[in-house]
Amino acid sequence: MEAKKRKSSLYIALMDARKAFDILWHLGLLREMHKTGLEGNNWLFFENWYTELTSKVKWKGELSHQIIEQQGVRQGGIWSPSAYKIFVNSLLTTFEENQIGATIGSIYCGIPTVADDVTLITTDPYELQTMLDIQSSFANKNRYEISEQKVCGTYL
């Protein structure tokens, strides 16, 4: 609405992490937890939850040996959405602290996020490219990919 009032363009990129819950890197999650100051019982809970995660494969009625998992969150797990939020928090903080993206008055709203869906919003096409570069760098650092099939950009 504010861009419309000012008669300025609005640039939007809709981003989706490819199988984000499946590939969430456990050591990256633990690093992000440490950076946010999660300690004590919360830390031990997540550390035990994700460093001791194992699976077995069932094939034709036979179970394989245990496989230690180093990525992914438990599907349907009550803590999985929270774990993912912790995992991407430093990306969101980078945008907000540097005021990269759109604002409404003094309220920052440049990167609304729901689970693994991220929307980049700005009034400047060059700033949108910066936002895309930061998102890409973060994804590379944290071992996940942006889904090419679900990425789209909009100019209003």
N, C-alpha and C. Protein backbone atom coordinates (compact mmCIF):
# COMPACT_ATOMS: atom_id res chain seq x y z
N MET A 1 0.81 -1.19 0.00
CA MET A 1 0.00 0.00 0.00
C MET A 1 0.86 1.26 0.00
N GLU A 2 1.93 1.25 0.79
CA GLU A 2 2.77 2.43 0.87
C GLU A 2 3.44 2.73 -0.47
N ALA A 3 3.88 1.69 -1.19
CA ALA A 3 4.47 1.87 -2.51
C ALA A 3 3.45 2.45 -3.47
N LYS A 4 2.22 2.02 -3.34
CA LYS A 4 1.15 2.53 -4.21
C LYS A 4 0.89 4.01 -3.92
N LYS A 5 0.87 4.39 -2.64
CA LYS A 5 0.67 5.79 -2.26
C LYS A 5 1.78 6.67 -2.83
N ARG A 6 3.02 6.15 -2.78
CA ARG A 6 4.17 6.90 -3.27
C ARG A 6 4.34 6.78 -4.78
N LYS A 7 3.52 5.94 -5.39
CA LYS A 7 3.60 5.66 -6.83
C LYS A 7 4.98 5.15 -7.21
N SER A 8 5.51 4.27 -6.34
CA SER A 8 6.80 3.66 -6.63
C SER A 8 6.60 2.18 -6.93
N SER A 9 7.54 1.59 -7.60
CA SER A 9 7.48 0.18 -7.95
C SER A 9 7.74 -0.67 -6.71
N LEU A 10 7.23 -1.89 -6.76
CA LEU A 10 7.47 -2.84 -5.69
C LEU A 10 7.97 -4.13 -6.34
N TYR A 11 9.09 -4.62 -5.87
CA TYR A 11 9.69 -5.83 -6.42
C TYR A 11 9.60 -6.93 -5.38
N ILE A 12 9.10 -8.09 -5.81
CA ILE A 12 8.88 -9.20 -4.90
C ILE A 12 9.47 -10.47 -5.50
N ALA A 13 10.18 -11.23 -4.68
CA ALA A 13 10.66 -12.56 -5.09
C ALA A 13 10.17 -13.56 -4.06
N LEU A 14 9.47 -14.57 -4.53
CA LEU A 14 8.97 -15.63 -3.67
C LEU A 14 9.95 -16.79 -3.73
N MET A 15 10.47 -17.18 -2.57
CA MET A 15 11.52 -18.20 -2.51
C MET A 15 11.04 -19.38 -1.66
N ASP A 16 11.50 -20.56 -2.05
CA ASP A 16 11.17 -21.76 -1.30
C ASP A 16 12.41 -22.63 -1.23
N ALA A 17 12.80 -23.03 -0.03
CA ALA A 17 13.94 -23.93 0.12
C ALA A 17 13.53 -25.32 -0.33
N ARG A 18 14.38 -25.95 -1.14
CA ARG A 18 14.08 -27.28 -1.65
C ARG A 18 14.16 -28.30 -0.52
N LYS A 19 13.02 -28.93 -0.23
CA LYS A 19 12.93 -29.97 0.80
C LYS A 19 13.62 -29.54 2.09
N ALA A 20 13.33 -28.31 2.52
CA ALA A 20 14.03 -27.71 3.65
C ALA A 20 14.00 -28.55 4.91
N PHE A 21 12.85 -29.11 5.25
CA PHE A 21 12.77 -29.89 6.47
C PHE A 21 13.55 -31.19 6.34
N ASP A 22 13.67 -31.71 5.12
CA ASP A 22 14.40 -32.96 4.90
C ASP A 22 15.91 -32.79 4.98
N ILE A 23 16.41 -31.61 4.61
CA ILE A 23 17.85 -31.45 4.50
C ILE A 23 18.46 -30.50 5.54
N LEU A 24 17.66 -30.06 6.50
CA LEU A 24 18.20 -29.15 7.51
C LEU A 24 19.45 -29.76 8.14
N TRP A 25 20.55 -29.05 8.06
CA TRP A 25 21.86 -29.50 8.51
C TRP A 25 21.94 -29.39 10.03
N HIS A 26 22.11 -30.50 10.72
CA HIS A 26 22.09 -30.53 12.19
C HIS A 26 23.17 -29.67 12.83
N LEU A 27 24.39 -29.76 12.33
CA LEU A 27 25.45 -28.94 12.94
C LEU A 27 25.20 -27.45 12.71
N GLY A 28 24.61 -27.10 11.57
CA GLY A 28 24.23 -25.71 11.32
C GLY A 28 23.16 -25.26 12.29
N LEU A 29 22.20 -26.13 12.57
CA LEU A 29 21.15 -25.82 13.55
C LEU A 29 21.76 -25.60 14.92
N LEU A 30 22.66 -26.48 15.33
CA LEU A 30 23.29 -26.33 16.65
C LEU A 30 24.12 -25.05 16.72
N ARG A 31 24.80 -24.70 15.63
CA ARG A 31 25.55 -23.44 15.59
C ARG A 31 24.61 -22.25 15.77
N GLU A 32 23.48 -22.27 15.06
CA GLU A 32 22.52 -21.17 15.16
C GLU A 32 21.92 -21.08 16.55
N MET A 33 21.68 -22.23 17.18
CA MET A 33 21.16 -22.23 18.55
C MET A 33 22.16 -21.56 19.49
N HIS A 34 23.42 -21.90 19.32
CA HIS A 34 24.47 -21.30 20.16
C HIS A 34 24.52 -19.79 19.94
N LYS A 35 24.44 -19.36 18.67
CA LYS A 35 24.50 -17.92 18.36
C LYS A 35 23.34 -17.15 18.98
N THR A 36 22.17 -17.79 19.09
CA THR A 36 21.02 -17.11 19.66
C THR A 36 20.99 -17.17 21.18
N GLY A 37 21.94 -17.88 21.77
CA GLY A 37 22.03 -17.93 23.23
C GLY A 37 21.20 -19.02 23.87
N LEU A 38 20.68 -19.95 23.08
CA LEU A 38 19.95 -21.07 23.68
C LEU A 38 20.94 -21.96 24.41
N GLU A 39 20.73 -22.10 25.69
CA GLU A 39 21.64 -22.89 26.51
C GLU A 39 20.84 -23.71 27.52
N GLY A 40 21.52 -24.43 28.33
CA GLY A 40 20.88 -25.19 29.40
C GLY A 40 20.02 -26.32 28.87
N ASN A 41 18.84 -26.48 29.46
CA ASN A 41 17.96 -27.59 29.10
C ASN A 41 17.50 -27.52 27.65
N ASN A 42 17.22 -26.32 27.13
CA ASN A 42 16.82 -26.20 25.73
C ASN A 42 17.92 -26.72 24.81
N TRP A 43 19.14 -26.32 25.09
CA TRP A 43 20.29 -26.74 24.28
C TRP A 43 20.44 -28.25 24.32
N LEU A 44 20.40 -28.82 25.53
CA LEU A 44 20.56 -30.26 25.67
C LEU A 44 19.45 -31.03 24.97
N PHE A 45 18.23 -30.50 25.05
CA PHE A 45 17.11 -31.16 24.39
C PHE A 45 17.35 -31.24 22.89
N PHE A 46 17.64 -30.10 22.26
CA PHE A 46 17.85 -30.08 20.82
C PHE A 46 19.10 -30.86 20.43
N GLU A 47 20.17 -30.72 21.22
CA GLU A 47 21.40 -31.42 20.89
C GLU A 47 21.16 -32.94 20.92
N ASN A 48 20.51 -33.43 21.95
CA ASN A 48 20.22 -34.86 22.03
C ASN A 48 19.22 -35.28 20.96
N TRP A 49 18.25 -34.44 20.69
CA TRP A 49 17.22 -34.74 19.71
C TRP A 49 17.82 -34.91 18.31
N TYR A 50 18.81 -34.08 17.96
CA TYR A 50 19.35 -34.11 16.61
C TYR A 50 20.70 -34.78 16.47
N THR A 51 21.46 -34.94 17.54
CA THR A 51 22.73 -35.65 17.38
C THR A 51 22.56 -37.14 17.55
N GLU A 52 21.45 -37.56 18.10
CA GLU A 52 21.21 -38.98 18.30
C GLU A 52 20.11 -39.50 17.39
N LEU A 53 19.81 -38.80 16.32
CA LEU A 53 18.74 -39.18 15.41
C LEU A 53 19.21 -40.31 14.50
N THR A 54 18.52 -41.42 14.54
CA THR A 54 18.87 -42.57 13.71
C THR A 54 17.62 -43.09 13.00
N SER A 55 17.85 -43.83 11.94
CA SER A 55 16.76 -44.46 11.18
C SER A 55 17.18 -45.84 10.75
N LYS A 56 16.18 -46.61 10.37
CA LYS A 56 16.41 -47.91 9.75
C LYS A 56 15.55 -47.95 8.49
N VAL A 57 16.02 -48.68 7.51
CA VAL A 57 15.28 -48.84 6.27
C VAL A 57 14.64 -50.22 6.28
N LYS A 58 13.36 -50.26 5.97
CA LYS A 58 12.66 -51.54 5.89
C LYS A 58 12.47 -51.89 4.42
N TRP A 59 12.95 -53.06 4.04
CA TRP A 59 12.85 -53.51 2.65
C TRP A 59 12.47 -54.98 2.65
N LYS A 60 11.34 -55.27 2.04
CA LYS A 60 10.83 -56.64 1.94
C LYS A 60 10.78 -57.32 3.32
N GLY A 61 10.29 -56.57 4.31
CA GLY A 61 10.13 -57.12 5.64
C GLY A 61 11.38 -57.17 6.49
N GLU A 62 12.52 -56.80 5.95
CA GLU A 62 13.79 -56.83 6.68
C GLU A 62 14.21 -55.40 7.03
N LEU A 63 14.79 -55.24 8.24
CA LEU A 63 15.29 -53.94 8.67
C LEU A 63 16.81 -53.86 8.49
N SER A 64 17.26 -52.69 8.03
CA SER A 64 18.70 -52.47 7.88
C SER A 64 19.33 -52.16 9.23
N HIS A 65 20.64 -52.00 9.23
CA HIS A 65 21.33 -51.53 10.42
C HIS A 65 20.94 -50.07 10.64
N GLN A 66 21.15 -49.56 11.85
CA GLN A 66 20.86 -48.16 12.15
C GLN A 66 21.73 -47.24 11.32
N ILE A 67 21.12 -46.17 10.85
CA ILE A 67 21.83 -45.15 10.09
C ILE A 67 21.76 -43.86 10.90
N ILE A 68 22.91 -43.26 11.18
CA ILE A 68 22.95 -41.99 11.91
C ILE A 68 22.63 -40.87 10.93
N GLU A 69 21.63 -40.08 11.26
CA GLU A 69 21.21 -38.99 10.38
C GLU A 69 21.91 -37.70 10.80
N GLN A 70 22.36 -36.95 9.80
CA GLN A 70 23.05 -35.69 10.06
C GLN A 70 22.29 -34.51 9.49
N GLN A 71 21.14 -34.78 8.93
CA GLN A 71 20.33 -33.70 8.38
C GLN A 71 18.86 -34.05 8.48
N GLY A 72 18.03 -33.03 8.39
CA GLY A 72 16.59 -33.22 8.42
C GLY A 72 16.01 -33.09 9.81
N VAL A 73 14.76 -32.66 9.84
CA VAL A 73 14.02 -32.62 11.09
C VAL A 73 12.93 -33.67 11.03
N ARG A 74 12.47 -34.06 12.17
CA ARG A 74 11.46 -35.12 12.23
C ARG A 74 10.16 -34.62 11.60
N GLN A 75 9.69 -35.35 10.60
CA GLN A 75 8.45 -34.99 9.93
C GLN A 75 7.29 -35.08 10.90
N GLY A 76 6.53 -34.01 11.03
CA GLY A 76 5.40 -33.98 11.93
C GLY A 76 5.79 -33.76 13.39
N GLY A 77 7.09 -33.62 13.65
CA GLY A 77 7.55 -33.40 15.01
C GLY A 77 7.11 -32.04 15.53
N ILE A 78 6.71 -31.98 16.77
CA ILE A 78 6.22 -30.73 17.35
C ILE A 78 7.30 -29.64 17.38
N TRP A 79 8.57 -30.04 17.49
CA TRP A 79 9.67 -29.07 17.55
C TRP A 79 10.25 -28.74 16.19
N SER A 80 9.86 -29.44 15.13
CA SER A 80 10.46 -29.25 13.82
C SER A 80 10.29 -27.83 13.26
N PRO A 81 9.09 -27.23 13.30
CA PRO A 81 8.98 -25.85 12.81
C PRO A 81 9.84 -24.88 13.62
N SER A 82 9.92 -25.07 14.93
CA SER A 82 10.76 -24.20 15.76
C SER A 82 12.22 -24.37 15.41
N ALA A 83 12.64 -25.60 15.18
CA ALA A 83 14.03 -25.85 14.80
C ALA A 83 14.36 -25.15 13.50
N TYR A 84 13.45 -25.20 12.54
CA TYR A 84 13.70 -24.54 11.25
C TYR A 84 13.76 -23.02 11.42
N LYS A 85 12.91 -22.47 12.26
CA LYS A 85 12.93 -21.02 12.51
C LYS A 85 14.27 -20.60 13.10
N ILE A 86 14.78 -21.39 14.03
CA ILE A 86 16.10 -21.10 14.61
C ILE A 86 17.17 -21.16 13.53
N PHE A 87 17.05 -22.16 12.66
CA PHE A 87 18.03 -22.38 11.59
C PHE A 87 18.13 -21.17 10.65
N VAL A 88 17.01 -20.55 10.29
CA VAL A 88 17.03 -19.43 9.33
C VAL A 88 17.05 -18.06 10.00
N ASN A 89 17.02 -18.02 11.32
CA ASN A 89 16.92 -16.74 12.02
C ASN A 89 18.04 -15.75 11.66
N SER A 90 19.27 -16.24 11.51
CA SER A 90 20.35 -15.29 11.22
C SER A 90 20.21 -14.67 9.83
N LEU A 91 19.59 -15.37 8.89
CA LEU A 91 19.31 -14.78 7.58
C LEU A 91 18.31 -13.63 7.74
N LEU A 92 17.25 -13.87 8.46
CA LEU A 92 16.23 -12.84 8.67
C LEU A 92 16.81 -11.65 9.42
N THR A 93 17.64 -11.93 10.41
CA THR A 93 18.28 -10.87 11.19
C THR A 93 19.21 -10.02 10.32
N THR A 94 19.93 -10.66 9.41
CA THR A 94 20.83 -9.92 8.50
C THR A 94 20.07 -8.87 7.71
N PHE A 95 18.94 -9.27 7.15
CA PHE A 95 18.13 -8.33 6.37
C PHE A 95 17.59 -7.20 7.25
N GLU A 96 17.03 -7.57 8.40
CA GLU A 96 16.40 -6.56 9.25
C GLU A 96 17.42 -5.59 9.85
N GLU A 97 18.53 -6.11 10.37
CA GLU A 97 19.53 -5.23 10.99
C GLU A 97 20.13 -4.25 9.99
N ASN A 98 20.24 -4.67 8.73
CA ASN A 98 20.81 -3.80 7.69
C ASN A 98 19.74 -3.04 6.92
N GLN A 99 18.47 -3.19 7.35
CA GLN A 99 17.33 -2.53 6.71
C GLN A 99 17.35 -2.73 5.18
N ILE A 100 17.58 -3.98 4.78
CA ILE A 100 17.56 -4.33 3.37
C ILE A 100 16.17 -4.87 3.07
N GLY A 101 15.44 -4.17 2.23
CA GLY A 101 14.07 -4.56 1.91
C GLY A 101 13.10 -3.47 2.31
N ALA A 102 11.83 -3.75 2.09
CA ALA A 102 10.77 -2.75 2.26
C ALA A 102 10.46 -2.44 3.72
N THR A 103 9.96 -1.25 3.92
CA THR A 103 9.45 -0.83 5.22
C THR A 103 8.09 -0.18 5.02
N ILE A 104 7.30 -0.19 6.05
CA ILE A 104 6.06 0.59 6.08
C ILE A 104 6.27 1.58 7.20
N GLY A 105 6.55 2.81 6.80
CA GLY A 105 6.95 3.81 7.78
C GLY A 105 8.27 3.37 8.39
N SER A 106 8.30 3.20 9.71
CA SER A 106 9.52 2.75 10.37
C SER A 106 9.50 1.24 10.65
N ILE A 107 8.45 0.56 10.20
CA ILE A 107 8.31 -0.88 10.47
C ILE A 107 8.94 -1.66 9.32
N TYR A 108 9.91 -2.51 9.66
CA TYR A 108 10.57 -3.33 8.65
C TYR A 108 9.67 -4.49 8.24
N CYS A 109 9.51 -4.71 6.95
CA CYS A 109 8.69 -5.83 6.47
C CYS A 109 9.29 -6.42 5.18
N GLY A 110 10.61 -6.38 5.06
CA GLY A 110 11.27 -6.77 3.83
C GLY A 110 11.41 -8.25 3.58
N ILE A 111 11.15 -9.11 4.56
CA ILE A 111 11.33 -10.54 4.34
C ILE A 111 10.33 -11.36 5.18
N PRO A 112 9.04 -11.25 4.84
CA PRO A 112 8.07 -12.09 5.54
C PRO A 112 8.35 -13.57 5.26
N THR A 113 8.21 -14.39 6.28
CA THR A 113 8.61 -15.80 6.19
C THR A 113 7.60 -16.69 6.90
N VAL A 114 7.29 -17.80 6.26
CA VAL A 114 6.47 -18.84 6.88
C VAL A 114 7.18 -20.16 6.59
N ALA A 115 7.65 -20.81 7.65
CA ALA A 115 8.41 -22.07 7.53
C ALA A 115 9.54 -21.89 6.53
N ASP A 116 9.56 -22.63 5.43
CA ASP A 116 10.66 -22.54 4.48
C ASP A 116 10.33 -21.63 3.30
N ASP A 117 9.21 -20.92 3.35
CA ASP A 117 8.83 -19.98 2.29
C ASP A 117 9.25 -18.57 2.71
N VAL A 118 10.06 -17.94 1.87
CA VAL A 118 10.59 -16.62 2.16
C VAL A 118 10.17 -15.68 1.04
N THR A 119 9.69 -14.50 1.39
CA THR A 119 9.33 -13.50 0.40
C THR A 119 10.27 -12.31 0.57
N LEU A 120 10.93 -11.94 -0.52
CA LEU A 120 11.81 -10.77 -0.51
C LEU A 120 11.04 -9.61 -1.13
N ILE A 121 10.96 -8.49 -0.42
CA ILE A 121 10.17 -7.34 -0.88
C ILE A 121 11.03 -6.08 -0.79
N THR A 122 11.02 -5.31 -1.88
CA THR A 122 11.77 -4.05 -1.90
C THR A 122 11.18 -3.12 -2.97
N THR A 123 11.56 -1.86 -2.90
CA THR A 123 11.15 -0.90 -3.93
C THR A 123 12.27 -0.61 -4.92
N ASP A 124 13.39 -1.31 -4.78
CA ASP A 124 14.56 -1.06 -5.62
C ASP A 124 15.03 -2.37 -6.27
N PRO A 125 15.08 -2.43 -7.61
CA PRO A 125 15.48 -3.68 -8.26
C PRO A 125 16.92 -4.09 -7.93
N TYR A 126 17.80 -3.13 -7.70
CA TYR A 126 19.19 -3.47 -7.34
C TYR A 126 19.25 -4.05 -5.93
N GLU A 127 18.41 -3.52 -5.04
CA GLU A 127 18.35 -4.06 -3.69
C GLU A 127 17.78 -5.48 -3.72
N LEU A 128 16.82 -5.74 -4.62
CA LEU A 128 16.30 -7.10 -4.74
C LEU A 128 17.41 -8.06 -5.14
N GLN A 129 18.28 -7.63 -6.05
CA GLN A 129 19.39 -8.49 -6.44
C GLN A 129 20.32 -8.74 -5.26
N THR A 130 20.56 -7.72 -4.45
CA THR A 130 21.37 -7.89 -3.24
C THR A 130 20.71 -8.90 -2.30
N MET A 131 19.40 -8.79 -2.14
CA MET A 131 18.67 -9.72 -1.28
C MET A 131 18.78 -11.16 -1.81
N LEU A 132 18.66 -11.32 -3.12
CA LEU A 132 18.79 -12.64 -3.73
C LEU A 132 20.19 -13.20 -3.51
N ASP A 133 21.20 -12.33 -3.63
CA ASP A 133 22.59 -12.76 -3.41
C ASP A 133 22.82 -13.20 -1.96
N ILE A 134 22.27 -12.44 -1.02
CA ILE A 134 22.42 -12.78 0.40
C ILE A 134 21.71 -14.11 0.69
N GLN A 135 20.50 -14.28 0.15
CA GLN A 135 19.76 -15.53 0.33
C GLN A 135 20.55 -16.71 -0.24
N SER A 136 21.11 -16.52 -1.43
CA SER A 136 21.89 -17.59 -2.07
C SER A 136 23.13 -17.95 -1.26
N SER A 137 23.84 -16.93 -0.78
CA SER A 137 25.03 -17.15 0.03
C SER A 137 24.69 -17.92 1.31
N PHE A 138 23.60 -17.52 1.96
CA PHE A 138 23.16 -18.19 3.18
C PHE A 138 22.82 -19.66 2.90
N ALA A 139 22.12 -19.90 1.79
CA ALA A 139 21.76 -21.27 1.41
C ALA A 139 23.01 -22.11 1.17
N ASN A 140 23.99 -21.55 0.48
CA ASN A 140 25.23 -22.29 0.23
C ASN A 140 25.96 -22.60 1.53
N LYS A 141 26.04 -21.62 2.40
CA LYS A 141 26.73 -21.79 3.68
C LYS A 141 26.06 -22.85 4.55
N ASN A 142 24.74 -22.92 4.46
CA ASN A 142 23.98 -23.81 5.33
C ASN A 142 23.48 -25.07 4.63
N ARG A 143 24.05 -25.34 3.48
CA ARG A 143 23.85 -26.62 2.78
C ARG A 143 22.42 -26.92 2.37
N TYR A 144 21.74 -25.92 1.82
CA TYR A 144 20.44 -26.20 1.23
C TYR A 144 20.33 -25.43 -0.08
N GLU A 145 19.32 -25.79 -0.87
CA GLU A 145 19.14 -25.18 -2.18
C GLU A 145 17.78 -24.49 -2.24
N ILE A 146 17.72 -23.46 -3.07
CA ILE A 146 16.46 -22.80 -3.34
C ILE A 146 15.78 -23.56 -4.47
N SER A 147 14.53 -23.86 -4.32
CA SER A 147 13.78 -24.59 -5.35
C SER A 147 13.59 -23.70 -6.58
N GLU A 148 14.14 -24.11 -7.70
CA GLU A 148 14.02 -23.34 -8.93
C GLU A 148 12.58 -23.32 -9.44
N GLN A 149 11.84 -24.36 -9.19
CA GLN A 149 10.48 -24.46 -9.69
C GLN A 149 9.51 -23.54 -8.95
N LYS A 150 9.87 -23.14 -7.75
CA LYS A 150 8.93 -22.34 -6.95
C LYS A 150 9.37 -20.89 -6.82
N VAL A 151 10.47 -20.52 -7.45
CA VAL A 151 10.94 -19.14 -7.36
C VAL A 151 10.25 -18.31 -8.43
N CYS A 152 9.71 -17.18 -8.03
CA CYS A 152 9.16 -16.26 -9.02
C CYS A 152 9.35 -14.84 -8.53
N GLY A 153 9.38 -13.92 -9.45
CA GLY A 153 9.54 -12.52 -9.12
C GLY A 153 8.37 -11.73 -9.68
N THR A 154 8.06 -10.61 -9.05
CA THR A 154 6.94 -9.80 -9.47
C THR A 154 7.33 -8.33 -9.44
N TYR A 155 6.86 -7.62 -10.40
CA TYR A 155 7.04 -6.17 -10.45
C TYR A 155 5.67 -5.56 -10.44
N LEU A 156 5.40 -4.69 -9.51
CA LEU A 156 4.08 -4.03 -9.44
C LEU A 156 4.20 -2.57 -9.79
